[in-house]
Amino acid sequence: MTIHKCLYVSRSEFPDRQSGKMVRNCKIQYISDGAIDDENQKGLPVLTAPCDFELFKAFQKLPADYDLEFLVKPDSKGKPQLHVAKASLIDQK
């Protein structure tokens, strides 16, 4: 279980200029695990990771704690990129 404070999720859908094929994107912003306190940085960095367009529906409440499952996929240039594969709201009773 990897719990993160998720702050924001956005998705977009638009036709590709060259092919006309629909492009669908979804991104999640969440707070990193550890605070930074050094000469040039302080605080909790906000990280952004892509996810599948359909995963948008999993975020019923924000900001909130979610159990995020990550996987590595190649980006458009073949470089490894961290993606969110699953997200489950942590019950805050």
C-alpha atoms as a PDB file:
ATOM      1  CA  MET A   1       0.000   0.000   0.000  1.00  0.00           C
ATOM      2  CA  THR A   2       1.393   3.393  -1.029  1.00  0.00           C
ATOM      3  CA  ILE A   3      -0.643   6.210   0.473  1.00  0.00           C
ATOM      4  CA  HIS A   4      -0.365   9.693  -0.996  1.00  0.00           C
ATOM      5  CA  LYS A   5      -2.277  12.929  -0.450  1.00  0.00           C
ATOM      6  CA  CYS A   6      -3.842  13.568  -3.866  1.00  0.00           C
ATOM      7  CA  LEU A   7      -4.602  17.214  -4.547  1.00  0.00           C
ATOM      8  CA  TYR A   8      -5.820  17.528  -8.115  1.00  0.00           C
ATOM      9  CA  VAL A   9      -6.731  15.447 -11.153  1.00  0.00           C
ATOM     10  CA  SER A  10      -7.415  16.698 -14.669  1.00  0.00           C
ATOM     11  CA  ARG A  11      -8.250  15.120 -17.987  1.00  0.00           C
ATOM     12  CA  SER A  12      -8.523  16.357 -21.539  1.00  0.00           C
ATOM     13  CA  GLU A  13      -9.634  15.015 -24.872  1.00  0.00           C
ATOM     14  CA  PHE A  14      -8.875  16.555 -28.260  1.00  0.00           C
ATOM     15  CA  PRO A  15      -8.277  15.525 -31.889  1.00  0.00           C
ATOM     16  CA  ASP A  16      -4.657  15.079 -33.017  1.00  0.00           C
ATOM     17  CA  ARG A  17      -3.750  17.812 -35.529  1.00  0.00           C
ATOM     18  CA  GLN A  18      -2.144  15.442 -38.011  1.00  0.00           C
ATOM     19  CA  SER A  19      -4.188  12.244 -37.806  1.00  0.00           C
ATOM     20  CA  GLY A  20      -7.495  13.526 -36.437  1.00  0.00           C
ATOM     21  CA  LYS A  21      -7.419  10.624 -33.960  1.00  0.00           C
ATOM     22  CA  MET A  22      -8.714  11.486 -30.469  1.00  0.00           C
ATOM     23  CA  VAL A  23      -5.979  12.035 -27.866  1.00  0.00           C
ATOM     24  CA  ARG A  24      -6.995  11.432 -24.252  1.00  0.00           C
ATOM     25  CA  ASN A  25      -4.894  12.506 -21.257  1.00  0.00           C
ATOM     26  CA  CYS A  26      -5.264  12.357 -17.500  1.00  0.00           C
ATOM     27  CA  LYS A  27      -2.823  13.635 -14.857  1.00  0.00           C
ATOM     28  CA  ILE A  28      -2.739  13.431 -11.084  1.00  0.00           C
ATOM     29  CA  GLN A  29      -0.988  15.820  -8.718  1.00  0.00           C
ATOM     30  CA  TYR A  30      -0.004  14.469  -5.318  1.00  0.00           C
ATOM     31  CA  ILE A  31       2.321  15.342  -2.456  1.00  0.00           C
ATOM     32  CA  SER A  32       5.639  13.510  -2.282  1.00  0.00           C
ATOM     33  CA  ASP A  33       6.463  11.243   0.635  1.00  0.00           C
ATOM     34  CA  GLY A  34       9.107  13.306   2.352  1.00  0.00           C
ATOM     35  CA  ALA A  35       9.728  16.920   3.160  1.00  0.00           C
ATOM     36  CA  ILE A  36      12.800  18.633   1.786  1.00  0.00           C
ATOM     37  CA  ASP A  37      14.819  21.008   3.933  1.00  0.00           C
ATOM     38  CA  ASP A  38      18.116  22.029   2.416  1.00  0.00           C
ATOM     39  CA  GLU A  39      19.945  25.124   1.216  1.00  0.00           C
ATOM     40  CA  ASN A  40      17.806  25.626  -1.927  1.00  0.00           C
ATOM     41  CA  GLN A  41      14.509  23.816  -1.224  1.00  0.00           C
ATOM     42  CA  LYS A  42      12.015  23.542   1.620  1.00  0.00           C
ATOM     43  CA  GLY A  43       8.665  21.839   2.009  1.00  0.00           C
ATOM     44  CA  LEU A  44       6.673  19.069   0.358  1.00  0.00           C
ATOM     45  CA  PRO A  45       7.095  18.865  -3.418  1.00  0.00           C
ATOM     46  CA  VAL A  46       3.984  18.334  -5.515  1.00  0.00           C
ATOM     47  CA  LEU A  47       4.497  15.585  -8.088  1.00  0.00           C
ATOM     48  CA  THR A  48       2.562  14.994 -11.299  1.00  0.00           C
ATOM     49  CA  ALA A  49       2.006  11.590 -12.884  1.00  0.00           C
ATOM     50  CA  PRO A  50      -0.047  10.513 -15.894  1.00  0.00           C
ATOM     51  CA  CYS A  51      -2.730   7.845 -15.706  1.00  0.00           C
ATOM     52  CA  ASP A  52      -5.320   6.264 -17.977  1.00  0.00           C
ATOM     53  CA  PHE A  53      -8.201   8.556 -18.961  1.00  0.00           C
ATOM     54  CA  GLU A  54     -10.741   6.256 -17.259  1.00  0.00           C
ATOM     55  CA  LEU A  55      -8.942   6.437 -13.893  1.00  0.00           C
ATOM     56  CA  PHE A  56     -10.324   9.971 -13.482  1.00  0.00           C
ATOM     57  CA  LYS A  57     -13.549   8.390 -12.153  1.00  0.00           C
ATOM     58  CA  ALA A  58     -11.663   6.775  -9.240  1.00  0.00           C
ATOM     59  CA  PHE A  59     -11.048  10.194  -7.657  1.00  0.00           C
ATOM     60  CA  GLN A  60     -14.373  10.831  -5.948  1.00  0.00           C
ATOM     61  CA  LYS A  61     -13.052  13.287  -3.356  1.00  0.00           C
ATOM     62  CA  LEU A  62     -10.095  15.677  -3.484  1.00  0.00           C
ATOM     63  CA  PRO A  63      -7.928  16.556  -1.717  1.00  0.00           C
ATOM     64  CA  ALA A  64      -7.793  13.184   0.040  1.00  0.00           C
ATOM     65  CA  ASP A  65      -5.540  10.250   0.828  1.00  0.00           C
ATOM     66  CA  TYR A  66      -5.430   7.549  -1.851  1.00  0.00           C
ATOM     67  CA  ASP A  67      -3.668   4.231  -2.130  1.00  0.00           C
ATOM     68  CA  LEU A  68      -1.832   4.639  -5.445  1.00  0.00           C
ATOM     69  CA  GLU A  69      -0.370   1.767  -7.439  1.00  0.00           C
ATOM     70  CA  PHE A  70       2.357   2.778  -9.870  1.00  0.00           C
ATOM     71  CA  LEU A  71       3.855   1.176 -12.951  1.00  0.00           C
ATOM     72  CA  VAL A  72       6.531   2.210 -15.423  1.00  0.00           C
ATOM     73  CA  LYS A  73       5.602   2.757 -19.079  1.00  0.00           C
ATOM     74  CA  PRO A  74       7.632   4.240 -21.922  1.00  0.00           C
ATOM     75  CA  ASP A  75       6.811   7.815 -22.902  1.00  0.00           C
ATOM     76  CA  SER A  76       6.480   8.919 -26.538  1.00  0.00           C
ATOM     77  CA  LYS A  77      10.289   8.965 -26.854  1.00  0.00           C
ATOM     78  CA  GLY A  78      10.822   5.565 -25.235  1.00  0.00           C
ATOM     79  CA  LYS A  79      12.027   6.899 -21.885  1.00  0.00           C
ATOM     80  CA  PRO A  80      10.610   5.265 -18.734  1.00  0.00           C
ATOM     81  CA  GLN A  81       7.846   7.242 -17.062  1.00  0.00           C
ATOM     82  CA  LEU A  82       6.015   6.530 -13.806  1.00  0.00           C
ATOM     83  CA  HIS A  83       2.238   6.099 -14.317  1.00  0.00           C
ATOM     84  CA  VAL A  84      -0.565   5.687 -11.802  1.00  0.00           C
ATOM     85  CA  ALA A  85      -2.237   2.331 -12.570  1.00  0.00           C
ATOM     86  CA  LYS A  86      -4.803   2.167  -9.746  1.00  0.00           C
ATOM     87  CA  ALA A  87      -6.195   4.531  -7.132  1.00  0.00           C
ATOM     88  CA  SER A  88      -8.342   3.712  -4.102  1.00  0.00           C
ATOM     89  CA  LEU A  89      -9.707   6.272  -1.652  1.00  0.00           C
ATOM     90  CA  ILE A  90      -8.537   5.637   1.907  1.00  0.00           C
ATOM     91  CA  ASP A  91     -11.538   5.657   4.228  1.00  0.00           C
ATOM     92  CA  GLN A  92     -11.145   8.583   6.642  1.00  0.00           C
ATOM     93  CA  LYS A  93     -13.497   7.807   9.530  1.00  0.00           C
END
